[in-house]
Amino acid sequence: MRSSRAARPVKKPKDQYHHGDLRRALLLAAIRTIQKQGFEALTLRAVGDELGVSRTALYRHFADKSALLTAVAAEGFRMLRVEQVTAWETGGRNVAALMAMGEAYVRFALSNPWHYRVMFGSGFELLASDPELVEEGKGAFQALADALSQLQADGFLRKEEGRTQATFVWAVVHGVAMLAMDGNCEHQGVGAAELTRYSIDRLLTGIVAPCATTPV
């Protein structure tokens, strides 16, 4: 006679992941560990134990903690690039869209603070020559540089050296993002959204072409 008790769920045996799924799971587990316990608590062993996978399976994807964090950073830059390009494309590829990119940048940092902190370093060493990190990091910056280049060509921005101008814009929004993540905006009685908008407005007064007719 069959038992009337409900069948217990079958536990997933160690290493039972489709190719590629484990890598993604390790990235998510790393972010959870950092969020809950800080960077110091993150080890490959701790992440593997949480997922119930062997060291052999771990080392197929990441040689050490630095490699794991490098992959987290690369993923963060990819996500940031997508947010930036989406804001630019949906905003109409104009000065207003550039403002939207700045706002999207700060929102990304606030929505993904642990990715963001890994991306820009928090007392650990990333593998700076890692091909994926290099590609994604350059791609995120290039999304901004391309938008500025187009606005220069269209006569809306001052025709200045492109990478210097892009780095200036990035520095402003990055500074706002860091202040907002650390709660320093609220300490001064200023909301993150308010500071973001104000900073971008003031930034644009310095780079918009004098004869530009597009409203800022």
Protein backbone atom coordinates (compact mmCIF):
# COMPACT_ATOMS: atom_id res chain seq x y z
CA MET A 1 0.00 0.00 0.00
CA ARG A 2 1.32 3.44 -0.92
CA SER A 3 2.10 5.83 1.88
CA SER A 4 -0.32 8.75 2.20
CA ARG A 5 2.48 11.06 3.27
CA ALA A 6 3.58 13.66 0.76
CA ALA A 7 6.82 12.79 -0.95
CA ARG A 8 9.79 14.74 0.31
CA PRO A 9 11.46 17.01 -2.23
CA VAL A 10 14.58 15.49 -3.63
CA LYS A 11 17.70 17.44 -2.73
CA LYS A 12 19.87 18.45 -5.62
CA PRO A 13 23.10 16.42 -5.48
CA LYS A 14 26.35 18.30 -5.41
CA ASP A 15 27.60 19.56 -8.76
CA GLN A 16 24.20 19.01 -10.45
CA TYR A 17 24.20 22.21 -12.48
CA HIS A 18 23.93 22.74 -16.18
CA HIS A 19 27.06 24.24 -17.66
CA GLY A 20 27.09 27.96 -16.94
CA ASP A 21 24.39 27.86 -14.26
CA LEU A 22 26.90 27.28 -11.47
CA ARG A 23 28.95 30.29 -12.47
CA ARG A 24 25.88 32.53 -12.25
CA ALA A 25 24.87 30.97 -8.95
CA LEU A 26 28.34 31.65 -7.55
CA LEU A 27 28.10 35.33 -8.51
CA LEU A 28 24.73 35.69 -6.80
CA ALA A 29 25.96 33.85 -3.71
CA ALA A 30 29.01 36.13 -3.56
CA ILE A 31 26.80 39.22 -3.63
CA ARG A 32 24.57 37.79 -0.88
CA THR A 33 27.58 37.04 1.30
CA ILE A 34 29.03 40.52 0.84
CA GLN A 35 25.67 42.13 1.56
CA LYS A 36 25.07 40.15 4.74
CA GLN A 37 28.57 39.74 6.18
CA GLY A 38 30.91 42.11 4.38
CA PHE A 39 33.82 41.57 2.01
CA GLU A 40 35.99 39.96 4.67
CA ALA A 41 33.60 37.02 4.99
CA LEU A 42 33.70 36.18 1.29
CA THR A 43 35.67 33.04 0.43
CA LEU A 44 35.27 30.46 -2.30
CA ARG A 45 34.73 27.81 0.35
CA ALA A 46 31.90 29.76 2.00
CA VAL A 47 30.19 30.37 -1.33
CA GLY A 48 30.60 26.72 -2.32
CA ASP A 49 29.21 25.50 0.99
CA GLU A 50 26.15 27.71 0.58
CA LEU A 51 25.44 26.18 -2.81
CA GLY A 52 26.46 22.64 -1.82
CA VAL A 53 29.11 22.19 -4.50
CA SER A 54 32.59 20.72 -4.32
CA ARG A 55 35.85 22.60 -4.58
CA THR A 56 36.50 20.89 -7.89
CA ALA A 57 33.32 22.38 -9.32
CA LEU A 58 34.22 25.82 -7.94
CA TYR A 59 37.69 25.82 -9.45
CA ARG A 60 36.31 25.00 -12.88
CA HIS A 61 34.93 28.54 -12.87
CA PHE A 62 37.09 30.59 -10.50
CA ALA A 63 40.67 30.03 -9.43
CA ASP A 64 40.35 32.15 -6.31
CA LYS A 65 38.42 34.93 -4.56
CA SER A 66 39.91 37.62 -6.80
CA ALA A 67 38.66 35.83 -9.89
CA LEU A 68 35.17 35.58 -8.40
CA LEU A 69 35.08 39.27 -7.50
CA THR A 70 36.42 40.18 -10.93
CA ALA A 71 33.49 38.35 -12.50
CA VAL A 72 31.08 40.22 -10.19
CA ALA A 73 32.62 43.51 -11.32
CA ALA A 74 32.40 42.56 -14.99
CA GLU A 75 28.74 41.69 -14.58
CA GLY A 76 28.15 45.03 -12.86
CA PHE A 77 29.72 46.98 -15.72
CA ARG A 78 27.60 45.04 -18.21
CA MET A 79 24.43 45.85 -16.28
CA LEU A 80 25.46 49.51 -16.05
CA ARG A 81 26.12 49.68 -19.79
CA VAL A 82 22.66 48.29 -20.54
CA GLU A 83 21.05 50.88 -18.25
CA GLN A 84 23.00 53.69 -19.88
CA VAL A 85 22.25 52.66 -23.46
CA THR A 86 18.57 52.15 -22.65
CA ALA A 87 18.30 55.65 -21.13
CA TRP A 88 20.03 57.16 -24.17
CA GLU A 89 17.97 55.31 -26.76
CA THR A 90 14.58 55.72 -25.12
CA GLY A 91 15.30 59.33 -24.16
CA GLY A 92 15.65 60.46 -27.77
CA ARG A 93 19.44 60.68 -28.18
CA ASN A 94 19.52 64.35 -27.16
CA VAL A 95 20.56 66.51 -24.20
CA ALA A 96 17.54 65.35 -22.22
CA ALA A 97 18.61 61.76 -22.88
CA LEU A 98 22.09 62.58 -21.55
CA MET A 99 20.46 63.82 -18.35
CA ALA A 100 18.48 60.59 -18.21
CA MET A 101 21.73 58.65 -18.49
CA GLY A 102 23.11 60.46 -15.46
CA GLU A 103 19.99 59.73 -13.45
CA ALA A 104 20.06 56.09 -14.57
CA TYR A 105 23.69 55.83 -13.45
CA VAL A 106 22.91 56.92 -9.90
CA ARG A 107 19.80 54.72 -9.77
CA PHE A 108 21.89 51.74 -10.83
CA ALA A 109 24.41 52.37 -8.05
CA LEU A 110 21.68 52.68 -5.44
CA SER A 111 19.83 49.60 -6.71
CA ASN A 112 23.01 47.48 -6.97
CA PRO A 113 25.30 48.87 -4.26
CA TRP A 114 27.35 45.71 -3.78
CA HIS A 115 27.99 45.25 -7.46
CA TYR A 116 28.95 48.91 -7.58
CA ARG A 117 31.35 48.71 -4.66
CA VAL A 118 33.06 45.68 -6.19
CA MET A 119 33.27 47.46 -9.56
CA PHE A 120 35.16 50.38 -8.08
CA GLY A 121 37.12 48.55 -5.40
CA SER A 122 36.68 48.07 -1.69
CA GLY A 123 40.06 47.09 -0.30
CA PHE A 124 40.64 44.08 -2.52
CA GLU A 125 42.41 43.48 -5.80
CA LEU A 126 40.56 42.75 -9.01
CA LEU A 127 42.25 41.04 -11.95
CA ALA A 128 42.69 44.22 -14.00
CA SER A 129 43.83 42.33 -17.10
CA ASP A 130 40.85 39.95 -17.13
CA PRO A 131 39.44 40.09 -20.70
CA GLU A 132 35.79 40.14 -19.60
CA LEU A 133 36.36 42.90 -17.04
CA VAL A 134 38.36 44.97 -19.54
CA GLU A 135 35.68 44.61 -22.22
CA GLU A 136 32.73 45.36 -19.96
CA GLY A 137 34.48 48.24 -18.20
CA LYS A 138 35.37 49.87 -21.50
CA GLY A 139 31.87 49.24 -22.82
CA ALA A 140 30.20 51.03 -19.92
CA PHE A 141 32.44 54.08 -20.36
CA GLN A 142 32.09 54.01 -24.14
CA ALA A 143 28.30 54.23 -23.88
CA LEU A 144 28.75 57.65 -22.27
CA ALA A 145 31.57 58.71 -24.60
CA ASP A 146 29.50 57.81 -27.69
CA ALA A 147 26.51 59.83 -26.45
CA LEU A 148 28.69 62.89 -25.81
CA SER A 149 30.40 62.50 -29.19
CA GLN A 150 27.06 62.47 -30.98
CA LEU A 151 25.87 65.55 -29.09
CA GLN A 152 29.09 67.33 -30.00
CA ALA A 153 28.61 66.43 -33.66
CA ASP A 154 25.00 67.66 -33.53
CA GLY A 155 26.15 71.00 -32.15
CA PHE A 156 24.59 70.65 -28.71
CA LEU A 157 27.82 70.30 -26.69
CA ARG A 158 31.12 72.13 -26.71
CA LYS A 159 33.62 70.51 -29.08
CA GLU A 160 36.19 69.48 -26.50
CA GLU A 161 38.51 66.49 -26.24
CA GLY A 162 36.10 63.59 -26.03
CA ARG A 163 37.60 61.33 -23.41
CA THR A 164 38.39 64.21 -21.08
CA GLN A 165 34.82 65.46 -21.33
CA ALA A 166 33.42 61.96 -20.78
CA THR A 167 35.66 61.40 -17.76
CA PHE A 168 34.52 64.73 -16.28
CA VAL A 169 30.86 63.77 -16.65
CA TRP A 170 31.54 60.32 -15.20
CA ALA A 171 33.41 61.82 -12.25
CA VAL A 172 30.45 64.02 -11.34
CA VAL A 173 27.80 61.28 -11.42
CA HIS A 174 30.15 58.79 -9.74
CA GLY A 175 30.68 61.22 -6.89
CA VAL A 176 26.95 61.71 -6.46
CA ALA A 177 26.41 57.93 -6.54
CA MET A 178 29.03 57.32 -3.83
CA LEU A 179 27.63 60.05 -1.58
CA ALA A 180 24.11 58.72 -2.02
CA MET A 181 25.12 55.10 -1.35
CA ASP A 182 26.87 56.06 1.88
CA GLY A 183 23.89 58.08 3.07
CA ASN A 184 25.77 61.36 3.01
CA CYS A 185 23.10 63.16 0.98
CA GLU A 186 20.49 62.58 3.66
CA HIS A 187 22.93 63.67 6.35
CA GLN A 188 23.01 67.05 4.66
CA GLY A 189 19.24 67.15 4.25
CA VAL A 190 19.40 66.64 0.47
CA GLY A 191 17.70 63.73 -1.30
CA ALA A 192 19.71 61.62 -3.73
CA ALA A 193 17.34 62.37 -6.62
CA GLU A 194 17.48 66.09 -5.85
CA LEU A 195 21.28 66.14 -5.74
CA THR A 196 21.49 64.07 -8.92
CA ARG A 197 19.27 66.46 -10.84
CA TYR A 198 21.03 69.54 -9.50
CA SER A 199 24.49 68.15 -10.28
CA ILE A 200 23.56 67.21 -13.84
CA ASP A 201 21.96 70.61 -14.43
CA ARG A 202 25.10 72.40 -13.26
CA LEU A 203 27.33 70.00 -15.18
CA LEU A 204 25.48 70.72 -18.40
CA THR A 205 25.89 74.46 -18.04
CA GLY A 206 29.60 73.86 -18.46
CA ILE A 207 29.52 71.60 -21.53
CA VAL A 208 26.47 72.72 -23.54
CA ALA A 209 27.48 74.75 -26.59
CA PRO A 210 26.75 78.49 -26.19
CA CYS A 211 24.60 78.56 -29.31
CA ALA A 212 22.68 75.35 -28.58
CA THR A 213 18.91 75.79 -28.79
CA THR A 214 17.91 72.43 -27.33
CA PRO A 215 16.40 72.97 -23.86
CA VAL A 216 18.46 71.53 -21.01
